[in-house]
C-alpha atoms as a PDB file:
ATOM      1  CA  UNK A   1      17.563 -11.181  32.250  1.00  0.00           C
ATOM      2  CA  UNK A   2      16.707  -8.290  29.984  1.00  0.00           C
ATOM      3  CA  UNK A   3      18.630  -7.637  26.578  1.00  0.00           C
ATOM      4  CA  UNK A   4      19.072  -4.301  26.374  1.00  0.00           C
ATOM      5  CA  UNK A   5      19.247  -2.337  23.155  1.00  0.00           C
ATOM      6  CA  UNK A   6      18.908   1.367  22.108  1.00  0.00           C
ATOM      7  CA  UNK A   7      16.147   1.425  19.530  1.00  0.00           C
ATOM      8  CA  UNK A   8      13.460  -1.033  19.119  1.00  0.00           C
ATOM      9  CA  UNK A   9      12.408  -1.161  15.641  1.00  0.00           C
ATOM     10  CA  UNK A  10       8.756  -3.206  15.273  1.00  0.00           C
ATOM     11  CA  UNK A  11       8.102  -4.401  11.561  1.00  0.00           C
ATOM     12  CA  UNK A  12      10.536  -5.084   8.492  1.00  0.00           C
ATOM     13  CA  UNK A  13       8.507  -3.681   5.850  1.00  0.00           C
ATOM     14  CA  UNK A  14       9.109  -0.368   4.207  1.00  0.00           C
ATOM     15  CA  UNK A  15       8.903   1.644   6.973  1.00  0.00           C
ATOM     16  CA  UNK A  16      11.011  -0.488   9.337  1.00  0.00           C
ATOM     17  CA  UNK A  17      13.935  -0.897   6.788  1.00  0.00           C
ATOM     18  CA  UNK A  18      14.270   2.464   6.121  1.00  0.00           C
ATOM     19  CA  UNK A  19      14.309   3.741   9.589  1.00  0.00           C
ATOM     20  CA  UNK A  20      16.532   0.840  10.112  1.00  0.00           C
ATOM     21  CA  UNK A  21      19.526   2.534   7.356  1.00  0.00           C
ATOM     22  CA  UNK A  22      18.947   6.456   8.760  1.00  0.00           C
ATOM     23  CA  UNK A  23      19.150   4.967  12.225  1.00  0.00           C
ATOM     24  CA  UNK A  24      22.581   3.458  11.239  1.00  0.00           C
ATOM     25  CA  UNK A  25      23.575   6.321   8.699  1.00  0.00           C
ATOM     26  CA  UNK A  26      23.140   8.887  11.192  1.00  0.00           C
ATOM     27  CA  UNK A  27      23.096   7.592  14.609  1.00  0.00           C
ATOM     28  CA  UNK A  28      26.512   4.788  14.488  1.00  0.00           C
ATOM     29  CA  UNK A  29      26.764   4.480  17.863  1.00  0.00           C
ATOM     30  CA  UNK A  30      23.104   3.412  18.752  1.00  0.00           C
ATOM     31  CA  UNK A  31      22.856  -0.176  18.687  1.00  0.00           C
ATOM     32  CA  UNK A  32      19.045  -1.062  17.161  1.00  0.00           C
ATOM     33  CA  UNK A  33      16.862  -4.481  16.280  1.00  0.00           C
ATOM     34  CA  UNK A  34      14.527  -4.813  14.241  1.00  0.00           C
ATOM     35  CA  UNK A  35      11.189  -7.478  15.267  1.00  0.00           C
ATOM     36  CA  UNK A  36       9.094  -8.937  12.502  1.00  0.00           C
ATOM     37  CA  UNK A  37       6.609 -11.488  13.453  1.00  0.00           C
ATOM     38  CA  UNK A  38       6.362 -13.054  10.133  1.00  0.00           C
ATOM     39  CA  UNK A  39       9.374 -15.297   8.109  1.00  0.00           C
ATOM     40  CA  UNK A  40       9.973 -12.401   5.668  1.00  0.00           C
ATOM     41  CA  UNK A  41      11.085  -9.098   4.779  1.00  0.00           C
ATOM     42  CA  UNK A  42       8.629  -6.891   2.972  1.00  0.00           C
ATOM     43  CA  UNK A  43       5.842  -6.140   4.960  1.00  0.00           C
ATOM     44  CA  UNK A  44       2.829  -5.465   2.994  1.00  0.00           C
ATOM     45  CA  UNK A  45       4.436  -6.393  -0.243  1.00  0.00           C
ATOM     46  CA  UNK A  46       5.261  -9.452   0.915  1.00  0.00           C
ATOM     47  CA  UNK A  47       2.111 -10.370   2.496  1.00  0.00           C
ATOM     48  CA  UNK A  48      -0.339  -9.134  -0.220  1.00  0.00           C
ATOM     49  CA  UNK A  49      -0.462 -11.904  -3.553  1.00  0.00           C
ATOM     50  CA  UNK A  50      -3.812 -10.834  -4.774  1.00  0.00           C
ATOM     51  CA  UNK A  51      -3.368 -10.123  -9.086  1.00  0.00           C
ATOM     52  CA  UNK A  52      -2.375  -6.881 -10.018  1.00  0.00           C
ATOM     53  CA  UNK A  53      -1.537  -5.839  -6.886  1.00  0.00           C
ATOM     54  CA  UNK A  54       0.519  -2.527  -7.107  1.00  0.00           C
ATOM     55  CA  UNK A  55       1.172   1.044  -5.088  1.00  0.00           C
ATOM     56  CA  UNK A  56      -0.765   3.802  -6.055  1.00  0.00           C
ATOM     57  CA  UNK A  57       1.839   5.711  -5.042  1.00  0.00           C
ATOM     58  CA  UNK A  58       4.507   6.923  -7.461  1.00  0.00           C
ATOM     59  CA  UNK A  59       8.106   5.183  -6.376  1.00  0.00           C
ATOM     60  CA  UNK A  60       9.696   8.456  -6.451  1.00  0.00           C
ATOM     61  CA  UNK A  61       8.116   9.690  -3.214  1.00  0.00           C
ATOM     62  CA  UNK A  62       7.154   6.422  -1.723  1.00  0.00           C
ATOM     63  CA  UNK A  63      11.034   4.846  -1.970  1.00  0.00           C
ATOM     64  CA  UNK A  64      13.922   5.974  -0.016  1.00  0.00           C
ATOM     65  CA  UNK A  65      15.529   9.451  -0.256  1.00  0.00           C
ATOM     66  CA  UNK A  66      18.899   7.675  -0.320  1.00  0.00           C
ATOM     67  CA  UNK A  67      18.243   4.993  -2.308  1.00  0.00           C
ATOM     68  CA  UNK A  68      17.256   5.891  -6.199  1.00  0.00           C
ATOM     69  CA  UNK A  69      14.001   3.829  -7.605  1.00  0.00           C
ATOM     70  CA  UNK A  70      15.756   2.848 -11.011  1.00  0.00           C
ATOM     71  CA  UNK A  71      13.032   0.869 -12.636  1.00  0.00           C
ATOM     72  CA  UNK A  72      10.983   2.054 -15.536  1.00  0.00           C
ATOM     73  CA  UNK A  73       7.087   2.100 -13.924  1.00  0.00           C
ATOM     74  CA  UNK A  74       7.145   4.891 -11.003  1.00  0.00           C
ATOM     75  CA  UNK A  75       3.617   3.118 -10.713  1.00  0.00           C
ATOM     76  CA  UNK A  76       5.322   0.086  -9.102  1.00  0.00           C
ATOM     77  CA  UNK A  77       3.896  -3.634  -9.108  1.00  0.00           C
ATOM     78  CA  UNK A  78       4.261  -5.614  -5.854  1.00  0.00           C
ATOM     79  CA  UNK A  79       6.998  -7.879  -6.817  1.00  0.00           C
ATOM     80  CA  UNK A  80       9.161  -4.462  -7.739  1.00  0.00           C
ATOM     81  CA  UNK A  81       8.564  -2.825  -4.512  1.00  0.00           C
ATOM     82  CA  UNK A  82       9.502  -5.692  -2.690  1.00  0.00           C
ATOM     83  CA  UNK A  83      12.602  -6.711  -4.954  1.00  0.00           C
ATOM     84  CA  UNK A  84      13.432  -2.663  -4.189  1.00  0.00           C
ATOM     85  CA  UNK A  85      13.296  -2.895  -0.078  1.00  0.00           C
ATOM     86  CA  UNK A  86      14.772  -6.312   0.029  1.00  0.00           C
ATOM     87  CA  UNK A  87      17.846  -4.697  -2.060  1.00  0.00           C
ATOM     88  CA  UNK A  88      17.929  -1.790   0.662  1.00  0.00           C
ATOM     89  CA  UNK A  89      18.262  -4.344   3.193  1.00  0.00           C
ATOM     90  CA  UNK A  90      20.715  -6.431   1.842  1.00  0.00           C
ATOM     91  CA  UNK A  91      22.547  -3.621   0.189  1.00  0.00           C
ATOM     92  CA  UNK A  92      22.758  -1.756   4.110  1.00  0.00           C
ATOM     93  CA  UNK A  93      23.515  -5.150   5.850  1.00  0.00           C
ATOM     94  CA  UNK A  94      20.412  -4.526   7.777  1.00  0.00           C
ATOM     95  CA  UNK A  95      19.079  -7.846   7.331  1.00  0.00           C
ATOM     96  CA  UNK A  96      21.726  -8.786   9.421  1.00  0.00           C
ATOM     97  CA  UNK A  97      19.199  -7.158  12.728  1.00  0.00           C
ATOM     98  CA  UNK A  98      16.179  -8.567  12.036  1.00  0.00           C
ATOM     99  CA  UNK A  99      14.522 -11.326  14.136  1.00  0.00           C
ATOM    100  CA  UNK A 100      12.065 -13.154  12.523  1.00  0.00           C
ATOM    101  CA  UNK A 101       9.272 -14.799  14.027  1.00  0.00           C
ATOM    102  CA  UNK A 102       9.408 -12.411  16.942  1.00  0.00           C
ATOM    103  CA  UNK A 103       5.644 -10.388  18.118  1.00  0.00           C
ATOM    104  CA  UNK A 104       5.344  -7.902  20.868  1.00  0.00           C
ATOM    105  CA  UNK A 105       3.312  -9.797  24.023  1.00  0.00           C
ATOM    106  CA  UNK A 106       3.118  -6.182  26.064  1.00  0.00           C
ATOM    107  CA  UNK A 107       5.301  -2.827  25.861  1.00  0.00           C
ATOM    108  CA  UNK A 108       5.867  -0.837  29.161  1.00  0.00           C
ATOM    109  CA  UNK A 109       7.424   2.087  30.276  1.00  0.00           C
ATOM    110  CA  UNK A 110       9.077   3.150  33.210  1.00  0.00           C
ATOM    111  CA  UNK A 111       9.494   7.204  33.768  1.00  0.00           C
ATOM    112  CA  UNK A 112      11.773   6.569  36.163  1.00  0.00           C
ATOM    113  CA  UNK A 113      14.420   4.456  34.334  1.00  0.00           C
ATOM    114  CA  UNK A 114      13.546   6.085  30.693  1.00  0.00           C
ATOM    115  CA  UNK A 115      12.773   2.583  29.133  1.00  0.00           C
ATOM    116  CA  UNK A 116      10.691   0.406  27.622  1.00  0.00           C
ATOM    117  CA  UNK A 117      10.519  -3.303  28.938  1.00  0.00           C
ATOM    118  CA  UNK A 118       8.914  -5.208  26.150  1.00  0.00           C
ATOM    119  CA  UNK A 119       7.886  -8.854  26.522  1.00  0.00           C
ATOM    120  CA  UNK A 120       8.264 -10.694  23.209  1.00  0.00           C
ATOM    121  CA  UNK A 121       7.383 -14.429  21.959  1.00  0.00           C
ATOM    122  CA  UNK A 122       9.163 -16.054  19.963  1.00  0.00           C
ATOM    123  CA  UNK A 123       6.997 -18.291  18.428  1.00  0.00           C
ATOM    124  CA  UNK A 124       9.898 -20.038  16.253  1.00  0.00           C
ATOM    125  CA  UNK A 125      10.959 -21.144  19.823  1.00  0.00           C
ATOM    126  CA  UNK A 126       8.191 -21.142  21.596  1.00  0.00           C
ATOM    127  CA  UNK A 127       9.574 -18.889  24.253  1.00  0.00           C
ATOM    128  CA  UNK A 128       9.118 -15.378  25.777  1.00  0.00           C
ATOM    129  CA  UNK A 129      11.982 -13.094  25.263  1.00  0.00           C
ATOM    130  CA  UNK A 130      12.512  -9.620  27.720  1.00  0.00           C
ATOM    131  CA  UNK A 131      13.916  -6.439  26.274  1.00  0.00           C
ATOM    132  CA  UNK A 132      14.559  -2.853  27.360  1.00  0.00           C
ATOM    133  CA  UNK A 133      15.261   0.057  24.935  1.00  0.00           C
ATOM    134  CA  UNK A 134      15.307   3.534  25.029  1.00  0.00           C
ATOM    135  CA  UNK A 135      13.570   4.176  22.119  1.00  0.00           C
ATOM    136  CA  UNK A 136      10.396   2.126  20.881  1.00  0.00           C
ATOM    137  CA  UNK A 137       9.563   2.864  16.903  1.00  0.00           C
ATOM    138  CA  UNK A 138       6.096   1.206  15.627  1.00  0.00           C
ATOM    139  CA  UNK A 139       6.661   0.717  12.041  1.00  0.00           C
ATOM    140  CA  UNK A 140       3.617  -1.891  11.984  1.00  0.00           C
ATOM    141  CA  UNK A 141       1.442  -0.405   9.584  1.00  0.00           C
ATOM    142  CA  UNK A 142      -2.208  -0.272   9.814  1.00  0.00           C
ATOM    143  CA  UNK A 143      -3.348  -3.584   8.983  1.00  0.00           C
ATOM    144  CA  UNK A 144      -4.390  -6.151  11.288  1.00  0.00           C
ATOM    145  CA  UNK A 145      -2.335  -8.502   9.222  1.00  0.00           C
ATOM    146  CA  UNK A 146      -3.865 -11.820  10.952  1.00  0.00           C
ATOM    147  CA  UNK A 147      -7.209 -11.293   9.264  1.00  0.00           C
ATOM    148  CA  UNK A 148      -8.388  -8.169   7.282  1.00  0.00           C
ATOM    149  CA  UNK A 149     -11.575  -6.624   7.827  1.00  0.00           C
ATOM    150  CA  UNK A 150     -14.858  -8.455   6.535  1.00  0.00           C
ATOM    151  CA  UNK A 151     -18.180  -7.000   7.218  1.00  0.00           C
ATOM    152  CA  UNK A 152     -21.169  -9.242   8.380  1.00  0.00           C
ATOM    153  CA  UNK A 153     -23.251 -10.099   5.138  1.00  0.00           C
ATOM    154  CA  UNK A 154     -26.658 -11.531   5.390  1.00  0.00           C
ATOM    155  CA  UNK A 155     -26.642 -14.501   3.777  1.00  0.00           C
ATOM    156  CA  UNK A 156     -22.864 -15.179   3.781  1.00  0.00           C
ATOM    157  CA  UNK A 157     -22.785 -18.725   5.148  1.00  0.00           C
ATOM    158  CA  UNK A 158     -25.465 -19.507   2.267  1.00  0.00           C
ATOM    159  CA  UNK A 159     -23.595 -18.685  -0.541  1.00  0.00           C
ATOM    160  CA  UNK A 160     -22.724 -21.645  -2.887  1.00  0.00           C
ATOM    161  CA  UNK A 161     -19.533 -19.976  -4.577  1.00  0.00           C
ATOM    162  CA  UNK A 162     -16.064 -18.958  -3.367  1.00  0.00           C
ATOM    163  CA  UNK A 163     -15.623 -16.294  -0.807  1.00  0.00           C
ATOM    164  CA  UNK A 164     -12.198 -14.607  -0.709  1.00  0.00           C
ATOM    165  CA  UNK A 165     -10.390 -11.970   0.872  1.00  0.00           C
ATOM    166  CA  UNK A 166      -7.705 -10.012  -0.818  1.00  0.00           C
ATOM    167  CA  UNK A 167      -5.218 -10.179   1.830  1.00  0.00           C
ATOM    168  CA  UNK A 168      -5.517 -13.749   1.946  1.00  0.00           C
ATOM    169  CA  UNK A 169      -5.661 -14.814  -1.874  1.00  0.00           C
ATOM    170  CA  UNK A 170      -4.850 -18.143  -2.233  1.00  0.00           C
ATOM    171  CA  UNK A 171      -2.328 -18.934  -4.638  1.00  0.00           C
ATOM    172  CA  UNK A 172      -4.228 -22.046  -6.342  1.00  0.00           C
ATOM    173  CA  UNK A 173      -7.153 -19.798  -6.778  1.00  0.00           C
ATOM    174  CA  UNK A 174      -8.945 -20.053 -10.535  1.00  0.00           C
ATOM    175  CA  UNK A 175     -11.297 -17.787 -11.174  1.00  0.00           C
ATOM    176  CA  UNK A 176     -11.249 -18.426 -15.253  1.00  0.00           C
ATOM    177  CA  UNK A 177     -14.391 -17.857 -16.815  1.00  0.00           C
ATOM    178  CA  UNK A 178     -16.298 -17.451 -13.736  1.00  0.00           C
ATOM    179  CA  UNK A 179     -18.750 -14.311 -12.536  1.00  0.00           C
ATOM    180  CA  UNK A 180     -16.997 -12.534 -10.091  1.00  0.00           C
ATOM    181  CA  UNK A 181     -18.368  -9.659  -7.710  1.00  0.00           C
ATOM    182  CA  UNK A 182     -15.660  -7.382  -6.090  1.00  0.00           C
ATOM    183  CA  UNK A 183     -17.226  -5.406  -3.132  1.00  0.00           C
ATOM    184  CA  UNK A 184     -15.645  -2.110  -2.777  1.00  0.00           C
ATOM    185  CA  UNK A 185     -14.115   0.595  -4.887  1.00  0.00           C
ATOM    186  CA  UNK A 186     -11.310   1.508  -2.988  1.00  0.00           C
ATOM    187  CA  UNK A 187      -7.449   1.456  -3.889  1.00  0.00           C
ATOM    188  CA  UNK A 188      -7.516  -2.293  -3.652  1.00  0.00           C
ATOM    189  CA  UNK A 189     -10.877  -2.534  -5.770  1.00  0.00           C
ATOM    190  CA  UNK A 190      -9.029  -0.710  -8.641  1.00  0.00           C
ATOM    191  CA  UNK A 191      -5.713  -2.762  -8.785  1.00  0.00           C
ATOM    192  CA  UNK A 192      -8.089  -5.858  -8.319  1.00  0.00           C
ATOM    193  CA  UNK A 193     -11.122  -5.089 -11.378  1.00  0.00           C
ATOM    194  CA  UNK A 194      -8.690  -5.067 -14.240  1.00  0.00           C
ATOM    195  CA  UNK A 195      -6.704  -7.836 -13.280  1.00  0.00           C
ATOM    196  CA  UNK A 196      -9.449 -10.044 -12.655  1.00  0.00           C
ATOM    197  CA  UNK A 197     -11.322  -8.949 -16.025  1.00  0.00           C
ATOM    198  CA  UNK A 198      -8.411 -10.314 -18.131  1.00  0.00           C
ATOM    199  CA  UNK A 199      -9.623 -14.142 -17.611  1.00  0.00           C
ATOM    200  CA  UNK A 200     -13.154 -13.943 -15.643  1.00  0.00           C
ATOM    201  CA  UNK A 201     -16.166 -14.046 -18.045  1.00  0.00           C
ATOM    202  CA  UNK A 202     -18.012 -11.146 -16.165  1.00  0.00           C
ATOM    203  CA  UNK A 203     -16.856  -8.970 -13.750  1.00  0.00           C
ATOM    204  CA  UNK A 204     -18.507  -6.348 -11.153  1.00  0.00           C
ATOM    205  CA  UNK A 205     -17.246  -4.194  -8.785  1.00  0.00           C
ATOM    206  CA  UNK A 206     -19.906  -3.584  -5.758  1.00  0.00           C
ATOM    207  CA  UNK A 207     -19.944  -0.404  -4.617  1.00  0.00           C
ATOM    208  CA  UNK A 208     -21.902   1.486  -1.365  1.00  0.00           C
ATOM    209  CA  UNK A 209     -20.828   5.056  -3.095  1.00  0.00           C
ATOM    210  CA  UNK A 210     -18.120   6.217  -5.941  1.00  0.00           C
ATOM    211  CA  UNK A 211     -14.769   6.560  -5.217  1.00  0.00           C
ATOM    212  CA  UNK A 212     -12.656   9.861  -6.700  1.00  0.00           C
ATOM    213  CA  UNK A 213     -10.087   8.498  -9.275  1.00  0.00           C
ATOM    214  CA  UNK A 214      -7.664  10.210 -11.192  1.00  0.00           C
ATOM    215  CA  UNK A 215      -5.036   8.808 -13.978  1.00  0.00           C
ATOM    216  CA  UNK A 216      -1.170   9.452 -14.453  1.00  0.00           C
ATOM    217  CA  UNK A 217       1.118   7.803 -16.501  1.00  0.00           C
ATOM    218  CA  UNK A 218       2.691   4.703 -15.007  1.00  0.00           C
ATOM    219  CA  UNK A 219       6.154   5.804 -16.588  1.00  0.00           C
ATOM    220  CA  UNK A 220       7.099   9.285 -15.618  1.00  0.00           C
ATOM    221  CA  UNK A 221       8.431  10.660 -18.723  1.00  0.00           C
ATOM    222  CA  UNK A 222       9.811  13.722 -16.573  1.00  0.00           C
ATOM    223  CA  UNK A 223      12.312  11.149 -14.676  1.00  0.00           C
ATOM    224  CA  UNK A 224      13.370   9.036 -17.464  1.00  0.00           C
ATOM    225  CA  UNK A 225      14.514  12.750 -19.223  1.00  0.00           C
ATOM    226  CA  UNK A 226      16.782  13.699 -16.467  1.00  0.00           C
ATOM    227  CA  UNK A 227      18.160  10.399 -15.701  1.00  0.00           C
ATOM    228  CA  UNK A 228      19.411  11.075 -18.780  1.00  0.00           C
ATOM    229  CA  UNK A 229      20.887  14.727 -18.467  1.00  0.00           C
ATOM    230  CA  UNK A 230      22.082  14.625 -14.868  1.00  0.00           C
ATOM    231  CA  UNK A 231      23.740  12.171 -12.205  1.00  0.00           C
ATOM    232  CA  UNK A 232      21.792   9.400 -10.815  1.00  0.00           C
ATOM    233  CA  UNK A 233      21.140  10.634  -7.274  1.00  0.00           C
ATOM    234  CA  UNK A 234      20.723  14.464  -8.406  1.00  0.00           C
ATOM    235  CA  UNK A 235      17.816  13.104 -10.911  1.00  0.00           C
ATOM    236  CA  UNK A 236      15.957  11.032  -8.325  1.00  0.00           C
ATOM    237  CA  UNK A 237      16.210  14.215  -5.743  1.00  0.00           C
ATOM    238  CA  UNK A 238      14.851  16.557  -8.545  1.00  0.00           C
ATOM    239  CA  UNK A 239      11.732  14.134  -9.780  1.00  0.00           C
ATOM    240  CA  UNK A 240      11.396  13.101  -5.789  1.00  0.00           C
ATOM    241  CA  UNK A 241      11.007  17.059  -4.796  1.00  0.00           C
ATOM    242  CA  UNK A 242       8.857  17.631  -7.783  1.00  0.00           C
ATOM    243  CA  UNK A 243       6.465  15.041  -6.838  1.00  0.00           C
ATOM    244  CA  UNK A 244       6.089  15.575  -3.634  1.00  0.00           C
ATOM    245  CA  UNK A 245       5.412  19.278  -4.371  1.00  0.00           C
ATOM    246  CA  UNK A 246       2.439  18.208  -6.348  1.00  0.00           C
ATOM    247  CA  UNK A 247       0.623  15.964  -4.413  1.00  0.00           C
ATOM    248  CA  UNK A 248       0.943  18.879  -2.046  1.00  0.00           C
ATOM    249  CA  UNK A 249      -0.669  20.893  -4.435  1.00  0.00           C
ATOM    250  CA  UNK A 250      -3.111  18.175  -5.204  1.00  0.00           C
ATOM    251  CA  UNK A 251      -3.930  17.989  -1.485  1.00  0.00           C
ATOM    252  CA  UNK A 252      -3.906  22.091  -0.343  1.00  0.00           C
ATOM    253  CA  UNK A 253      -6.539  22.818  -3.794  1.00  0.00           C
ATOM    254  CA  UNK A 254      -8.365  19.563  -1.955  1.00  0.00           C
ATOM    255  CA  UNK A 255      -9.176  21.729   1.284  1.00  0.00           C
ATOM    256  CA  UNK A 256      -8.935  25.195  -0.714  1.00  0.00           C
ATOM    257  CA  UNK A 257     -10.565  24.985  -3.157  1.00  0.00           C
ATOM    258  CA  UNK A 258     -12.339  21.755  -3.342  1.00  0.00           C
ATOM    259  CA  UNK A 259     -15.142  22.370  -6.023  1.00  0.00           C
ATOM    260  CA  UNK A 260     -12.295  23.307  -8.540  1.00  0.00           C
ATOM    261  CA  UNK A 261     -10.583  20.010  -7.784  1.00  0.00           C
ATOM    262  CA  UNK A 262     -13.750  17.956  -8.098  1.00  0.00           C
ATOM    263  CA  UNK A 263     -14.465  19.450 -11.270  1.00  0.00           C
ATOM    264  CA  UNK A 264     -10.838  19.105 -12.688  1.00  0.00           C
ATOM    265  CA  UNK A 265     -10.997  14.917 -11.392  1.00  0.00           C
ATOM    266  CA  UNK A 266     -14.523  14.476 -12.885  1.00  0.00           C
ATOM    267  CA  UNK A 267     -13.805  16.120 -15.999  1.00  0.00           C
ATOM    268  CA  UNK A 268     -10.675  14.120 -16.063  1.00  0.00           C
ATOM    269  CA  UNK A 269     -12.456  10.743 -15.259  1.00  0.00           C
ATOM    270  CA  UNK A 270     -15.671  11.665 -17.951  1.00  0.00           C
ATOM    271  CA  UNK A 271     -13.144  11.911 -20.499  1.00  0.00           C
ATOM    272  CA  UNK A 272     -11.257   8.817 -20.039  1.00  0.00           C
ATOM    273  CA  UNK A 273     -14.466   6.753 -19.872  1.00  0.00           C
ATOM    274  CA  UNK A 274     -16.228   8.230 -22.031  1.00  0.00           C
ATOM    275  CA  UNK A 275     -20.555   8.252 -21.885  1.00  0.00           C
ATOM    276  CA  UNK A 276     -21.462   4.513 -22.765  1.00  0.00           C
ATOM    277  CA  UNK A 277     -21.950   4.179 -19.006  1.00  0.00           C
ATOM    278  CA  UNK A 278     -23.912   6.403 -16.528  1.00  0.00           C
ATOM    279  CA  UNK A 279     -20.963   8.466 -15.269  1.00  0.00           C
ATOM    280  CA  UNK A 280     -23.152  10.668 -13.159  1.00  0.00           C
ATOM    281  CA  UNK A 281     -24.475   7.341 -11.094  1.00  0.00           C
ATOM    282  CA  UNK A 282     -20.950   5.722 -10.902  1.00  0.00           C
ATOM    283  CA  UNK A 283     -18.616   8.098 -10.828  1.00  0.00           C
ATOM    284  CA  UNK A 284     -19.380  11.275  -8.796  1.00  0.00           C
ATOM    285  CA  UNK A 285     -19.255  10.791  -5.060  1.00  0.00           C
ATOM    286  CA  UNK A 286     -21.816  12.651  -2.707  1.00  0.00           C
ATOM    287  CA  UNK A 287     -18.438  14.422  -0.652  1.00  0.00           C
ATOM    288  CA  UNK A 288     -15.352  16.613  -1.533  1.00  0.00           C
ATOM    289  CA  UNK A 289     -11.821  15.157  -2.648  1.00  0.00           C
ATOM    290  CA  UNK A 290      -9.634  13.906  -0.203  1.00  0.00           C
ATOM    291  CA  UNK A 291     -12.606  14.047   2.428  1.00  0.00           C
ATOM    292  CA  UNK A 292     -11.837   9.751   1.705  1.00  0.00           C
ATOM    293  CA  UNK A 293      -9.336   8.397  -0.374  1.00  0.00           C
ATOM    294  CA  UNK A 294      -8.437   9.210  -3.669  1.00  0.00           C
ATOM    295  CA  UNK A 295      -7.619   6.238  -5.918  1.00  0.00           C
ATOM    296  CA  UNK A 296      -4.960   5.904  -8.951  1.00  0.00           C
ATOM    297  CA  UNK A 297      -5.566   4.264 -12.066  1.00  0.00           C
ATOM    298  CA  UNK A 298      -2.365   3.974 -14.108  1.00  0.00           C
ATOM    299  CA  UNK A 299      -2.104   6.138 -17.775  1.00  0.00           C
ATOM    300  CA  UNK A 300      -6.524   5.744 -18.348  1.00  0.00           C
ATOM    301  CA  UNK A 301      -9.228   5.212 -16.467  1.00  0.00           C
ATOM    302  CA  UNK A 302     -10.478   3.010 -19.611  1.00  0.00           C
ATOM    303  CA  UNK A 303      -7.989   0.318 -18.677  1.00  0.00           C
ATOM    304  CA  UNK A 304     -10.130  -0.107 -15.225  1.00  0.00           C
ATOM    305  CA  UNK A 305     -12.893  -1.118 -17.455  1.00  0.00           C
ATOM    306  CA  UNK A 306     -10.925  -3.798 -18.938  1.00  0.00           C
ATOM    307  CA  UNK A 307     -10.525  -5.552 -22.479  1.00  0.00           C
ATOM    308  CA  UNK A 308     -13.251  -8.194 -21.403  1.00  0.00           C
ATOM    309  CA  UNK A 309     -15.625  -5.558 -19.628  1.00  0.00           C
ATOM    310  CA  UNK A 310     -17.142  -5.322 -16.281  1.00  0.00           C
ATOM    311  CA  UNK A 311     -20.283  -3.329 -14.948  1.00  0.00           C
ATOM    312  CA  UNK A 312     -19.949  -0.656 -12.188  1.00  0.00           C
ATOM    313  CA  UNK A 313     -23.219  -0.481  -9.680  1.00  0.00           C
ATOM    314  CA  UNK A 314     -22.997   2.528  -7.794  1.00  0.00           C
ATOM    315  CA  UNK A 315     -25.131   3.575  -4.658  1.00  0.00           C
ATOM    316  CA  UNK A 316     -25.856  -0.004  -3.144  1.00  0.00           C
ATOM    317  CA  UNK A 317     -26.677   0.287   0.253  1.00  0.00           C
ATOM    318  CA  UNK A 318     -26.370  -2.924   2.912  1.00  0.00           C
ATOM    319  CA  UNK A 319     -24.047  -4.840   5.292  1.00  0.00           C
ATOM    320  CA  UNK A 320     -20.779  -3.721   3.962  1.00  0.00           C
ATOM    321  CA  UNK A 321     -21.669  -2.946   0.745  1.00  0.00           C
END
């Protein structure tokens, strides 16, 4: 027999917990349940454990509008974000509405009944559960959490070293004093490179094409100033509004005046990086800003180079390179 509920939320990560809090506050007469296929809360911020994992969005905008971000760094590390999500769930009592190790296997809509019928595998008890709901809210993200994307590489099986996917980073992995190649120059790579460079003997970031990279302080001094002058929630609201408008302006410029923004980003990067490397080859993309995702590096692009130093291979073609 199916269990009836008003709203079913899939995923107990940043989005799912936020949706549940809003639902409880704004629709207290509606029943809801969160389904989480894993055994832990936090989603992305609990799954990914590679060195240096962090957000490349400031937490005044990525965070919840109802819960001020209180940590010193606005560009926050993964453990801090996970703590924030867990605190939010506990404070609102949302953690009591989560059913762990529940994975949806099918979802069917009936217009006659105006309801979803959901088949769910309870992996903890090796049983199937059926639920009916009027509203199905998917907060499961866009990752394949079972297996991260892995391109086909020629010679993969012949490689004698260790191949690691960031989504499945081994806790005991020891790369100290080793030669490391990081494939890709997106958000994960620019997070991973400076951390591995602290221990590895030599690090190379191998990229098919350069990525736009902007730098910003990891600490928002305006936020800190307003926090000292205004009540906590008022300061947070102002900073959140400020940062959202700035991000909208950046995206608007990328669509309306891509050449202007391109020159601005490259000028910033060239100033940070200097002339010690071949800048045009390694840092100048062939596309306009926001045709692909723009990466954020905290404080200074020179931090990306790391104290140990590394090379950036540019314009390398190959399977998944």
